[in-house]
Amino acid sequence: MAASTHTVTNQVPPLVGYDVFGADLALTEAVERHLAPAVLDEARGELGTLGLSAGSAQAQEWGAQANENPPKLRTHDRYGHRIDEVDFHPSWHRLLGHAVTAGLTDAWGREGGHVRRAAGFLVWTQAEAGHGCPLSMTHAAVPALRTDPALAAEWEPLLTSHVYEEGLRVPAQKAGALFGMGMTEKQGGTDVRSNTTRAEPLAADGEYLLTGHKWFCSAPMSDGFLVLAQAPGGLSCFLVPRVLPDGARNVFAIQRLKDKLGNRSNASSEVEFDGTWARRVGEEGRGVRTIIEMVAATRLDCVVGSAALMRQAVAQAIHHSAYRCAFGGLLIEKPLMRNVLADLALESEAATTLALRLAAAYDADTEEERAFLRIAVPAAKYWVTKRCTAVVGEALECLGGNGYVEESGMPRLLREAPLNSIWEGSGNVQALDVLRALQREPGALNAFLTEVGKARGADHRLDAAIKDLLTELADLEAVEARARRLVERMALVLQGSLLLRWAPPEVADAFCASRPGGDWGSAFGTLPHSLDLATIVERARARER
């Protein structure tokens, strides 16, 4: 083609070289709100450093390379010995190592640890979401291990370490370790009580041999795993190390890696146990109760991870619209595009605000906050993760055909978006979990309503939505069939309450008018035109301030 015909104009510069944390006002304000003054300056410094790394060209290249070069399974070495190892691209290790060094597996033992970690997880996930799985599993294993003080003393310092050491070795010889999880089996999926993996006790107290399979085993390159198996006393939780104390490899046969829609840089596997050595965690027959705190923590990470994907998608859409001209002006100045961008920004800010509120509840660790989390976590997991795919899809459309091209990065976000809605229990599982809490734990509902009620009287639309919710909660007849509707309303009034208390008036007004107030269409970009949409969009724009 003649050079004279190839003039490049009206193309948008990449969103690169910025502070992902500092440019996110909803996130920075949440961190300031929830952290004590004694640790706030230190946390700001750490998160600012991480934000600059996440927004750098280098981190973006690592993310693209890790996604384009998925992990590979090596079942045997050149001599025919079974090794069951997973090879990752060097960029995967760079991403994971940077995350561990930044403390993204260290929340349980430091002041404000959950808020600091959640904010960091939200920031760093925007570089590449796939490596978030081992970070989440490692972080979430701590409360389960604490049911056994001896196991906690052995493993917790390794799991919360800020040192990343790849490769399989005796854990005691490593400065840091990662954990995975294996709960589901092919015949039962989420119905873990139908698991068939057997656990046969050995002579030594707490030691067993496992025989069976796991249909989804997360992060199979990890140093250890929490799994469920049927012991003589019922379904129980076990710790399966990859390398035994004497240096021998435990029996952990990786049958294959899953070929997934998205999350390509991460390894998800099917594994077989055949005389696999394990240590029991918690009491026999109480496996679900033992591992449930791990599940709850990973569910919160699903909320945070979805908030991260939404934030990055919205940042890209606004950035594109701020530079792209069409029909005589910048897209961001067009009333209809501004409505779309503002609508997306509302969803993103509501997700971020809710995610950090849940993290703060973990840090508070009071009886009331634990009761609040019992309902708020599954409700948030249900709603925020479902909104993620819709938000990312609409944000991609803001870039037009350019957004549909792999080089934009938007297709990778869109393929990743449905994951968190499925992982750790699909939407129906979350809705049913909320119903269980409503029926069995009245203190949980009281704590939830107390939180929501802190904004009562601030907006008539939210007040009306709370009243309607109370009417629904008073009638639990045939409630399972309408569980999704109920949980959606609970999540929306919670988000509305939080935004009314903490977000700028323009954001809270628009959210309450559209979501609880119902002045909203069936697609993004249908906000009432009388709202201050320009202020909402400008607040959500990713740039140095």
Protein backbone atom coordinates (compact mmCIF):
# COMPACT_ATOMS: atom_id res chain seq x y z
CA MET A 1 0.00 0.00 0.00
CA ALA A 2 1.27 3.47 -0.83
CA ALA A 3 2.57 5.32 2.20
CA SER A 4 0.56 8.40 1.28
CA THR A 5 -2.72 6.57 1.95
CA HIS A 6 -1.70 5.29 5.38
CA THR A 7 -2.15 8.32 7.60
CA VAL A 8 -2.97 7.46 11.22
CA THR A 9 -5.30 9.94 12.89
CA ASN A 10 -7.95 9.93 15.59
CA GLN A 11 -6.46 6.91 17.34
CA VAL A 12 -6.44 6.76 21.14
CA PRO A 13 -3.12 6.57 23.01
CA PRO A 14 -2.78 3.59 25.36
CA LEU A 15 -3.80 3.97 28.97
CA VAL A 16 -0.36 3.31 30.41
CA GLY A 17 2.12 4.86 32.81
CA TYR A 18 -0.38 5.86 35.49
CA ASP A 19 -1.09 5.03 39.13
CA VAL A 20 -3.95 2.52 39.10
CA PHE A 21 -4.55 3.13 42.79
CA GLY A 22 -4.18 6.92 42.90
CA ALA A 23 -6.37 7.42 39.83
CA ASP A 24 -9.27 5.51 41.40
CA LEU A 25 -11.06 7.95 43.71
CA ALA A 26 -13.64 5.44 44.89
CA LEU A 27 -10.84 3.12 46.01
CA THR A 28 -8.54 5.71 47.55
CA GLU A 29 -11.41 7.21 49.52
CA ALA A 30 -12.46 3.76 50.77
CA VAL A 31 -8.94 3.05 52.00
CA GLU A 32 -8.82 6.39 53.83
CA ARG A 33 -12.26 5.72 55.32
CA HIS A 34 -11.59 2.24 56.63
CA LEU A 35 -7.97 2.36 57.80
CA ALA A 36 -6.81 3.69 61.13
CA PRO A 37 -4.61 6.82 60.99
CA ALA A 38 -1.70 4.85 62.45
CA VAL A 39 -1.37 2.69 59.32
CA LEU A 40 -2.91 4.92 56.66
CA ASP A 41 0.27 6.65 55.46
CA GLU A 42 2.14 3.36 55.19
CA ALA A 43 -0.76 1.75 53.32
CA ARG A 44 -1.04 4.70 50.93
CA GLY A 45 2.65 4.40 50.13
CA GLU A 46 2.46 0.66 49.51
CA LEU A 47 -0.66 0.92 47.38
CA GLY A 48 0.70 3.87 45.42
CA THR A 49 3.84 1.91 44.58
CA LEU A 50 1.73 -1.09 43.57
CA GLY A 51 -0.56 1.17 41.55
CA LEU A 52 2.34 2.60 39.57
CA SER A 53 3.58 -0.93 38.87
CA ALA A 54 0.11 -2.08 37.77
CA GLY A 55 -0.23 0.84 35.38
CA SER A 56 3.23 0.45 33.90
CA ALA A 57 3.99 -0.78 30.39
CA GLN A 58 6.01 -3.61 31.92
CA ALA A 59 3.13 -5.02 33.97
CA GLN A 60 0.79 -4.71 31.01
CA GLU A 61 3.26 -6.67 28.89
CA TRP A 62 3.56 -9.33 31.60
CA GLY A 63 -0.21 -9.70 31.64
CA ALA A 64 -0.46 -10.06 27.88
CA GLN A 65 2.39 -12.58 27.75
CA ALA A 66 1.01 -14.69 30.60
CA ASN A 67 -2.39 -14.78 28.88
CA GLU A 68 -0.95 -15.61 25.45
CA ASN A 69 1.24 -18.43 26.82
CA PRO A 70 -1.00 -20.66 28.96
CA PRO A 71 0.51 -23.14 31.43
CA LYS A 72 1.58 -26.56 30.19
CA LEU A 73 1.28 -29.88 32.02
CA ARG A 74 4.28 -32.19 32.28
CA THR A 75 3.14 -35.51 33.69
CA HIS A 76 6.49 -37.33 33.25
CA ASP A 77 10.15 -36.46 32.96
CA ARG A 78 12.34 -37.62 30.07
CA TYR A 79 13.01 -40.95 31.81
CA GLY A 80 9.37 -41.80 32.40
CA HIS A 81 9.16 -40.83 36.07
CA ARG A 82 5.85 -39.32 37.10
CA ILE A 83 6.42 -35.66 38.12
CA ASP A 84 3.05 -33.93 37.58
CA GLU A 85 4.38 -30.42 37.21
CA VAL A 86 2.93 -27.34 35.53
CA ASP A 87 5.16 -25.00 33.56
CA PHE A 88 4.28 -21.30 33.41
CA HIS A 89 5.58 -18.48 31.26
CA PRO A 90 8.17 -16.33 33.10
CA SER A 91 5.73 -13.42 33.05
CA TRP A 92 3.30 -15.42 35.19
CA HIS A 93 6.00 -15.86 37.82
CA ARG A 94 6.85 -12.15 37.64
CA LEU A 95 3.20 -11.20 38.22
CA LEU A 96 2.76 -13.68 41.05
CA GLY A 97 6.08 -12.79 42.65
CA HIS A 98 5.26 -9.10 42.57
CA ALA A 99 1.89 -9.77 44.18
CA VAL A 100 3.32 -11.89 47.00
CA THR A 101 6.04 -9.32 47.66
CA ALA A 102 3.33 -6.67 47.89
CA GLY A 103 1.62 -8.64 50.67
CA LEU A 104 -1.38 -9.91 48.75
CA THR A 105 -1.39 -13.15 50.76
CA ASP A 106 -0.87 -11.36 54.07
CA ALA A 107 -4.05 -10.04 55.69
CA TRP A 108 -4.81 -11.95 58.86
CA GLY A 109 -2.03 -10.79 61.16
CA ARG A 110 -1.59 -7.04 60.60
CA GLU A 111 -3.69 -4.01 61.44
CA GLY A 112 -6.08 -3.15 58.65
CA GLY A 113 -4.74 -6.16 56.80
CA HIS A 114 -7.92 -7.09 54.96
CA VAL A 115 -8.60 -3.58 53.68
CA ARG A 116 -4.98 -3.16 52.61
CA ARG A 117 -4.93 -6.53 50.90
CA ALA A 118 -8.33 -6.07 49.23
CA ALA A 119 -7.25 -2.70 47.84
CA GLY A 120 -4.00 -4.19 46.59
CA PHE A 121 -5.79 -7.17 45.08
CA LEU A 122 -8.19 -4.81 43.29
CA VAL A 123 -5.27 -2.79 41.93
CA TRP A 124 -2.98 -5.62 40.85
CA THR A 125 -5.75 -7.75 39.33
CA GLN A 126 -6.10 -5.04 36.70
CA ALA A 127 -2.69 -6.01 35.32
CA GLU A 128 -3.81 -9.63 34.82
CA ALA A 129 -6.56 -11.49 36.64
CA GLY A 130 -5.43 -15.07 36.03
CA HIS A 131 -2.76 -15.24 38.72
CA GLY A 132 -5.27 -14.11 41.35
CA CYS A 133 -6.37 -17.69 42.02
CA PRO A 134 -3.28 -18.87 43.98
CA LEU A 135 -3.19 -15.53 45.79
CA SER A 136 -6.78 -15.98 46.87
CA MET A 137 -6.44 -19.64 47.87
CA THR A 138 -3.26 -18.99 49.85
CA HIS A 139 -4.79 -16.06 51.70
CA ALA A 140 -8.05 -17.89 52.38
CA ALA A 141 -6.43 -21.08 53.72
CA VAL A 142 -5.30 -19.37 56.92
CA PRO A 143 -8.61 -19.43 58.89
CA ALA A 144 -9.16 -23.10 58.04
CA LEU A 145 -5.67 -24.04 59.21
CA ARG A 146 -6.19 -22.14 62.45
CA THR A 147 -8.65 -24.81 63.54
CA ASP A 148 -5.49 -26.87 64.16
CA PRO A 149 -2.88 -24.81 66.06
CA ALA A 150 -0.03 -27.15 65.13
CA LEU A 151 -0.79 -26.92 61.41
CA ALA A 152 -1.24 -23.17 61.66
CA ALA A 153 2.13 -22.78 63.37
CA GLU A 154 3.78 -24.80 60.62
CA TRP A 155 2.12 -23.27 57.57
CA GLU A 156 0.81 -19.80 58.36
CA PRO A 157 4.24 -18.07 58.33
CA LEU A 158 4.85 -19.54 54.87
CA LEU A 159 1.43 -18.57 53.49
CA THR A 160 1.62 -14.98 54.75
CA SER A 161 5.24 -14.53 53.70
CA HIS A 162 6.22 -11.72 51.35
CA VAL A 163 8.72 -14.00 49.60
CA TYR A 164 7.76 -15.90 46.46
CA GLU A 165 9.63 -19.14 45.77
CA GLU A 166 8.54 -21.11 42.73
CA GLY A 167 9.16 -24.85 42.45
CA LEU A 168 8.29 -27.89 44.56
CA ARG A 169 10.49 -28.56 47.59
CA VAL A 170 10.06 -29.54 51.23
CA PRO A 171 7.98 -26.66 52.63
CA ALA A 172 10.23 -26.26 55.65
CA GLN A 173 13.07 -25.42 53.25
CA LYS A 174 11.13 -22.58 51.56
CA ALA A 175 10.71 -18.96 52.59
CA GLY A 176 7.15 -18.85 51.26
CA ALA A 177 4.46 -21.24 50.07
CA LEU A 178 1.23 -21.24 48.08
CA PHE A 179 -1.99 -23.16 48.63
CA GLY A 180 -4.69 -24.50 46.34
CA MET A 181 -8.02 -26.14 47.01
CA GLY A 182 -9.85 -29.25 45.81
CA MET A 183 -13.50 -29.60 46.84
CA THR A 184 -15.64 -30.54 43.85
CA GLU A 185 -15.89 -33.91 42.13
CA LYS A 186 -17.35 -34.77 38.76
CA GLN A 187 -20.42 -36.56 40.11
CA GLY A 188 -21.44 -33.75 42.47
CA GLY A 189 -19.89 -30.38 41.71
CA THR A 190 -21.08 -27.94 44.35
CA ASP A 191 -22.88 -30.74 46.19
CA VAL A 192 -19.72 -31.69 48.08
CA ARG A 193 -21.56 -34.02 50.44
CA SER A 194 -21.83 -36.43 47.50
CA ASN A 195 -18.02 -36.64 47.32
CA THR A 196 -16.65 -40.17 46.99
CA THR A 197 -12.94 -39.61 47.72
CA ARG A 198 -12.07 -41.88 50.68
CA ALA A 199 -9.82 -41.06 53.62
CA GLU A 200 -8.40 -44.09 55.46
CA PRO A 201 -6.84 -43.41 58.88
CA LEU A 202 -3.24 -44.37 59.54
CA ALA A 203 -1.78 -45.34 62.91
CA ALA A 204 -0.45 -41.84 63.58
CA ASP A 205 -3.07 -39.46 64.91
CA GLY A 206 -4.48 -37.17 62.23
CA GLU A 207 -2.79 -38.91 59.30
CA TYR A 208 -4.73 -40.51 56.42
CA LEU A 209 -4.37 -41.92 52.94
CA LEU A 210 -6.73 -40.51 50.31
CA THR A 211 -8.11 -42.34 47.28
CA GLY A 212 -10.31 -40.59 44.73
CA HIS A 213 -10.42 -37.63 42.40
CA LYS A 214 -11.05 -33.90 42.20
CA TRP A 215 -12.80 -32.52 39.13
CA PHE A 216 -11.60 -28.96 39.76
CA CYS A 217 -8.34 -28.53 41.65
CA SER A 218 -7.22 -24.93 41.72
CA ALA A 219 -3.59 -23.87 41.33
CA PRO A 220 -2.08 -27.39 40.99
CA MET A 221 1.49 -26.07 41.15
CA SER A 222 0.98 -25.06 44.80
CA ASP A 223 2.83 -26.45 47.80
CA GLY A 224 -0.27 -27.68 49.59
CA PHE A 225 -4.01 -28.12 49.19
CA LEU A 226 -7.10 -28.19 51.35
CA VAL A 227 -9.41 -30.95 50.12
CA LEU A 228 -12.57 -32.72 51.24
CA ALA A 229 -12.86 -36.49 51.58
CA GLN A 230 -15.06 -39.07 53.27
CA ALA A 231 -13.44 -40.28 56.51
CA PRO A 232 -14.98 -42.94 58.79
CA GLY A 233 -16.64 -40.12 60.73
CA GLY A 234 -18.02 -38.37 57.64
CA LEU A 235 -16.95 -35.65 55.22
CA SER A 236 -13.75 -34.11 56.54
CA CYS A 237 -11.12 -31.55 55.58
CA PHE A 238 -7.53 -32.54 54.84
CA LEU A 239 -4.21 -30.87 54.05
CA VAL A 240 -2.43 -32.53 51.13
CA PRO A 241 1.21 -31.43 50.67
CA ARG A 242 2.82 -31.86 47.26
CA VAL A 243 6.18 -32.74 48.83
CA LEU A 244 6.43 -34.93 51.93
CA PRO A 245 8.69 -34.09 54.89
CA ASP A 246 11.33 -36.58 53.68
CA GLY A 247 11.53 -34.89 50.28
CA ALA A 248 9.52 -37.50 48.36
CA ARG A 249 6.71 -36.42 46.07
CA ASN A 250 3.23 -37.11 47.38
CA VAL A 251 0.86 -39.01 45.08
CA PHE A 252 -0.84 -36.20 43.17
CA ALA A 253 -1.56 -37.28 39.61
CA ILE A 254 -2.62 -34.34 37.43
CA GLN A 255 -4.76 -35.87 34.69
CA ARG A 256 -5.19 -32.74 32.59
CA LEU A 257 -5.52 -28.96 32.70
CA LYS A 258 -8.88 -27.42 31.94
CA ASP A 259 -9.27 -25.61 28.61
CA LYS A 260 -11.24 -22.61 29.84
CA LEU A 261 -13.16 -19.72 28.31
CA GLY A 262 -10.93 -17.17 30.04
CA ASN A 263 -8.51 -17.14 32.97
CA ARG A 264 -6.06 -18.58 30.47
CA SER A 265 -2.87 -17.80 32.36
CA ASN A 266 -4.02 -19.80 35.38
CA ALA A 267 -3.95 -23.58 35.70
CA SER A 268 -7.11 -25.43 36.77
CA SER A 269 -6.79 -29.18 36.85
CA GLU A 270 -8.25 -32.62 37.39
CA VAL A 271 -6.27 -34.72 39.87
CA GLU A 272 -6.30 -38.28 41.17
CA PHE A 273 -5.38 -39.46 44.65
CA ASP A 274 -4.18 -43.04 45.10
CA GLY A 275 -2.77 -43.58 48.56
CA THR A 276 -2.08 -39.86 48.90
CA TRP A 277 -0.81 -38.88 52.34
CA ALA A 278 -2.82 -36.19 54.12
CA ARG A 279 -3.30 -34.60 57.53
CA ARG A 280 -6.76 -33.95 58.88
CA VAL A 281 -7.73 -30.33 59.51
CA GLY A 282 -10.40 -29.94 62.15
CA GLU A 283 -12.65 -32.72 63.40
CA GLU A 284 -13.80 -35.76 61.44
CA GLY A 285 -17.21 -35.27 59.93
CA ARG A 286 -16.99 -31.47 60.10
CA GLY A 287 -15.20 -30.84 56.82
CA VAL A 288 -17.63 -28.27 55.47
CA ARG A 289 -17.63 -26.31 58.72
CA THR A 290 -13.81 -26.38 58.76
CA ILE A 291 -13.36 -25.19 55.20
CA ILE A 292 -16.29 -22.74 55.13
CA GLU A 293 -14.18 -19.81 56.33
CA MET A 294 -11.82 -20.44 53.42
CA VAL A 295 -14.80 -20.46 51.08
CA ALA A 296 -16.13 -17.20 52.53
CA ALA A 297 -12.76 -15.49 52.11
CA THR A 298 -12.47 -16.62 48.50
CA ARG A 299 -16.02 -15.41 47.87
CA LEU A 300 -14.99 -11.97 49.04
CA ASP A 301 -12.09 -12.16 46.61
CA CYS A 302 -14.59 -12.92 43.86
CA VAL A 303 -16.31 -9.63 44.72
CA VAL A 304 -13.00 -7.74 44.80
CA GLY A 305 -11.82 -9.38 41.58
CA SER A 306 -15.03 -8.48 39.77
CA ALA A 307 -14.77 -4.92 41.04
CA ALA A 308 -11.23 -4.83 39.61
CA LEU A 309 -12.36 -6.04 36.19
CA MET A 310 -15.19 -3.51 36.14
CA ARG A 311 -12.86 -0.70 37.17
CA GLN A 312 -10.34 -1.49 34.44
CA ALA A 313 -13.07 -1.84 31.78
CA VAL A 314 -14.68 1.46 32.77
CA ALA A 315 -11.30 3.21 32.92
CA GLN A 316 -10.55 2.01 29.39
CA ALA A 317 -13.97 3.09 28.09
CA ILE A 318 -13.70 6.60 29.56
CA HIS A 319 -10.09 6.95 28.42
CA HIS A 320 -11.07 5.98 24.87
CA SER A 321 -14.00 8.38 24.85
CA ALA A 322 -11.85 11.24 26.13
CA TYR A 323 -9.59 11.02 23.06
CA ARG A 324 -11.75 9.62 20.25
CA CYS A 325 -13.59 12.11 18.03
CA ALA A 326 -16.83 11.31 16.23
CA PHE A 327 -19.63 13.40 14.73
CA GLY A 328 -17.82 16.65 15.28
CA GLY A 329 -16.51 16.28 18.82
CA LEU A 330 -15.06 14.06 21.51
CA LEU A 331 -17.15 11.03 22.40
CA ILE A 332 -17.01 11.90 26.08
CA GLU A 333 -18.83 15.17 25.36
CA LYS A 334 -21.72 13.51 23.54
CA PRO A 335 -24.79 13.34 25.84
CA LEU A 336 -25.66 9.74 25.00
CA MET A 337 -22.12 8.42 25.43
CA ARG A 338 -21.81 10.39 28.66
CA ASN A 339 -24.95 8.65 29.91
CA VAL A 340 -23.47 5.24 29.11
CA LEU A 341 -20.15 6.05 30.77
CA ALA A 342 -21.82 7.48 33.88
CA ASP A 343 -24.03 4.40 34.18
CA LEU A 344 -20.99 2.13 33.97
CA ALA A 345 -19.11 4.29 36.46
CA LEU A 346 -21.96 3.97 38.97
CA GLU A 347 -21.80 0.19 38.79
CA SER A 348 -18.04 0.20 39.22
CA GLU A 349 -18.04 2.57 42.20
CA ALA A 350 -20.85 0.68 43.92
CA ALA A 351 -18.89 -2.58 43.55
CA THR A 352 -15.66 -1.07 44.89
CA THR A 353 -17.38 0.60 47.84
CA LEU A 354 -19.14 -2.61 48.81
CA ALA A 355 -16.00 -4.76 48.44
CA LEU A 356 -13.95 -2.52 50.73
CA ARG A 357 -16.78 -2.35 53.29
CA LEU A 358 -16.75 -6.14 53.49
CA ALA A 359 -12.97 -6.18 53.90
CA ALA A 360 -13.29 -3.65 56.73
CA ALA A 361 -15.79 -5.97 58.45
CA TYR A 362 -13.18 -8.73 58.40
CA ASP A 363 -10.68 -6.37 60.04
CA ALA A 364 -13.16 -5.32 62.74
CA ASP A 365 -13.86 -8.98 63.59
CA THR A 366 -16.68 -8.20 66.07
CA GLU A 367 -19.70 -10.40 66.63
CA GLU A 368 -21.93 -7.89 64.84
CA GLU A 369 -19.59 -7.61 61.85
CA ARG A 370 -19.29 -11.39 61.56
CA ALA A 371 -23.09 -11.59 61.53
CA PHE A 372 -23.22 -8.88 58.86
CA LEU A 373 -20.73 -10.78 56.69
CA ARG A 374 -22.83 -13.93 56.93
CA ILE A 375 -25.45 -12.33 54.67
CA ALA A 376 -23.49 -9.54 52.99
CA VAL A 377 -20.76 -11.74 51.48
CA PRO A 378 -23.02 -14.16 49.56
CA ALA A 379 -25.36 -11.30 48.59
CA ALA A 380 -22.44 -9.26 47.26
CA LYS A 381 -20.92 -12.30 45.57
CA TYR A 382 -24.24 -12.97 43.86
CA TRP A 383 -24.85 -9.44 42.60
CA VAL A 384 -21.44 -7.88 41.93
CA THR A 385 -20.07 -10.86 40.04
CA LYS A 386 -23.19 -10.98 37.86
CA ARG A 387 -22.94 -7.28 37.02
CA CYS A 388 -19.33 -7.73 35.95
CA THR A 389 -20.02 -9.39 32.60
CA ALA A 390 -22.65 -6.80 31.66
CA VAL A 391 -20.36 -3.90 32.59
CA VAL A 392 -17.34 -5.26 30.73
CA GLY A 393 -19.42 -6.06 27.65
CA GLU A 394 -20.86 -2.55 27.51
CA ALA A 395 -17.45 -0.98 28.14
CA LEU A 396 -16.03 -3.00 25.25
CA GLU A 397 -18.77 -1.61 23.01
CA CYS A 398 -17.69 1.92 23.91
CA LEU A 399 -14.48 1.21 21.98
CA GLY A 400 -16.45 -0.02 18.98
CA GLY A 401 -14.64 -2.39 16.65
CA ASN A 402 -11.34 -1.49 18.29
CA GLY A 403 -12.62 -3.03 21.51
CA TYR A 404 -13.36 -6.32 19.79
CA VAL A 405 -9.72 -6.68 18.74
CA GLU A 406 -7.39 -8.60 21.05
CA GLU A 407 -4.76 -5.85 21.08
CA SER A 408 -7.15 -3.59 22.99
CA GLY A 409 -7.14 -5.94 25.97
CA MET A 410 -10.93 -5.75 26.24
CA PRO A 411 -11.62 -9.29 24.94
CA ARG A 412 -9.40 -10.67 27.71
CA LEU A 413 -11.44 -8.74 30.30
CA LEU A 414 -14.69 -10.00 28.79
CA ARG A 415 -13.58 -13.65 28.84
CA GLU A 416 -12.51 -13.26 32.45
CA ALA A 417 -15.72 -11.53 33.55
CA PRO A 418 -18.02 -14.59 34.07
CA LEU A 419 -15.49 -16.51 36.16
CA ASN A 420 -16.15 -15.03 39.58
CA SER A 421 -19.89 -15.61 39.25
CA ILE A 422 -19.20 -19.34 38.86
CA TRP A 423 -16.25 -19.89 41.20
CA GLU A 424 -16.93 -20.74 44.86
CA GLY A 425 -20.61 -21.27 44.18
CA SER A 426 -22.73 -20.05 41.29
CA GLY A 427 -25.53 -17.51 41.62
CA ASN A 428 -28.10 -20.01 42.84
CA VAL A 429 -25.73 -21.28 45.52
CA GLN A 430 -25.17 -17.74 46.81
CA ALA A 431 -28.89 -16.98 46.83
CA LEU A 432 -29.64 -20.18 48.73
CA ASP A 433 -26.85 -19.39 51.18
CA VAL A 434 -28.51 -16.05 51.94
CA LEU A 435 -31.82 -17.88 52.53
CA ARG A 436 -30.13 -20.26 54.96
CA ALA A 437 -28.78 -17.32 56.93
CA LEU A 438 -32.21 -15.67 56.98
CA GLN A 439 -33.88 -18.82 58.25
CA ARG A 440 -31.27 -20.02 60.73
CA GLU A 441 -29.40 -16.94 61.92
CA PRO A 442 -31.69 -14.04 62.87
CA GLY A 443 -28.69 -12.09 64.11
CA ALA A 444 -27.36 -11.96 60.54
CA LEU A 445 -30.49 -10.26 59.24
CA ASN A 446 -30.48 -7.83 62.15
CA ALA A 447 -26.87 -6.88 61.41
CA PHE A 448 -27.63 -6.45 57.72
CA LEU A 449 -30.66 -4.26 58.36
CA THR A 450 -28.71 -2.20 60.89
CA GLU A 451 -26.08 -1.49 58.24
CA VAL A 452 -28.65 -0.59 55.60
CA GLY A 453 -30.60 1.52 58.07
CA LYS A 454 -27.64 3.83 58.68
CA ALA A 455 -28.72 5.74 55.56
CA ARG A 456 -32.45 5.74 56.32
CA GLY A 457 -33.98 9.15 55.75
CA ALA A 458 -31.20 10.30 53.41
CA ASP A 459 -33.07 9.46 50.20
CA HIS A 460 -36.78 8.76 49.74
CA ARG A 461 -36.12 6.25 46.95
CA LEU A 462 -33.85 4.14 49.13
CA ASP A 463 -36.33 4.39 52.00
CA ALA A 464 -39.06 3.04 49.72
CA ALA A 465 -36.81 0.22 48.53
CA ILE A 466 -35.99 -0.75 52.13
CA LYS A 467 -39.70 -0.78 52.95
CA ASP A 468 -40.41 -3.07 49.98
CA LEU A 469 -37.54 -5.33 51.03
CA LEU A 470 -38.92 -5.64 54.56
CA THR A 471 -42.29 -6.64 53.09
CA GLU A 472 -40.60 -9.38 51.07
CA LEU A 473 -38.62 -10.58 54.06
CA ALA A 474 -41.80 -10.83 56.13
CA ASP A 475 -43.20 -13.42 53.73
CA LEU A 476 -40.89 -16.36 53.12
CA GLU A 477 -43.59 -18.45 51.44
CA ALA A 478 -42.14 -20.15 48.33
CA VAL A 479 -39.04 -18.06 48.93
CA GLU A 480 -36.62 -20.35 47.06
CA ALA A 481 -38.26 -19.62 43.71
CA ARG A 482 -37.80 -15.89 44.24
CA ALA A 483 -34.45 -16.04 46.02
CA ARG A 484 -32.58 -14.29 43.22
CA ARG A 485 -35.01 -11.38 43.21
CA LEU A 486 -34.75 -11.06 46.98
CA VAL A 487 -30.94 -11.19 47.09
CA GLU A 488 -30.65 -8.70 44.23
CA ARG A 489 -32.77 -6.24 46.21
CA MET A 490 -30.71 -6.81 49.32
CA ALA A 491 -27.49 -6.10 47.45
CA LEU A 492 -28.90 -2.96 45.84
CA VAL A 493 -30.19 -1.41 49.05
CA LEU A 494 -26.85 -2.19 50.71
CA GLN A 495 -24.95 -0.51 47.88
CA GLY A 496 -27.37 2.42 47.96
CA SER A 497 -26.90 2.85 51.70
CA LEU A 498 -23.11 2.82 51.40
CA LEU A 499 -23.05 5.32 48.54
CA LEU A 500 -25.43 7.70 50.31
CA ARG A 501 -23.15 7.74 53.31
CA TRP A 502 -19.79 7.92 51.55
CA ALA A 503 -19.97 8.80 47.84
CA PRO A 504 -20.36 12.31 46.38
CA PRO A 505 -24.00 13.46 46.14
CA GLU A 506 -24.01 13.18 42.34
CA VAL A 507 -23.05 9.49 42.51
CA ALA A 508 -25.50 8.60 45.29
CA ASP A 509 -28.33 10.50 43.64
CA ALA A 510 -27.83 8.79 40.29
CA PHE A 511 -27.53 5.35 41.89
CA CYS A 512 -30.68 5.74 43.99
CA ALA A 513 -32.67 7.20 41.09
CA SER A 514 -31.77 4.35 38.75
CA ARG A 515 -31.30 1.24 40.87
CA PRO A 516 -33.53 1.35 44.00
CA GLY A 517 -35.67 4.12 42.47
CA GLY A 518 -36.32 2.24 39.25
CA ASP A 519 -35.89 5.19 36.85
CA TRP A 520 -33.71 3.08 34.60
CA GLY A 521 -34.03 1.11 31.38
CA SER A 522 -32.93 -2.41 30.53
CA ALA A 523 -29.51 -1.38 29.22
CA PHE A 524 -26.70 0.92 30.29
CA GLY A 525 -27.05 4.52 29.16
CA THR A 526 -30.65 4.89 30.30
CA LEU A 527 -30.11 7.12 33.36
CA PRO A 528 -32.45 10.10 33.83
CA HIS A 529 -31.03 12.93 31.72
CA SER A 530 -31.48 15.45 34.52
CA LEU A 531 -28.68 13.91 36.62
CA ASP A 532 -25.17 15.40 36.83
CA LEU A 533 -23.63 12.83 34.51
CA ALA A 534 -20.53 14.82 33.58
CA THR A 535 -19.35 14.94 37.21
CA ILE A 536 -19.83 11.19 37.59
CA VAL A 537 -17.80 10.45 34.46
CA GLU A 538 -15.02 12.85 35.40
CA ARG A 539 -14.76 11.26 38.84
CA ALA A 540 -14.26 7.83 37.28
CA ARG A 541 -11.65 8.93 34.74
CA ALA A 542 -8.25 7.25 35.19
CA ARG A 543 -5.52 9.85 35.18
CA GLU A 544 -3.04 11.45 37.51
CA ARG A 545 -4.62 14.03 39.75
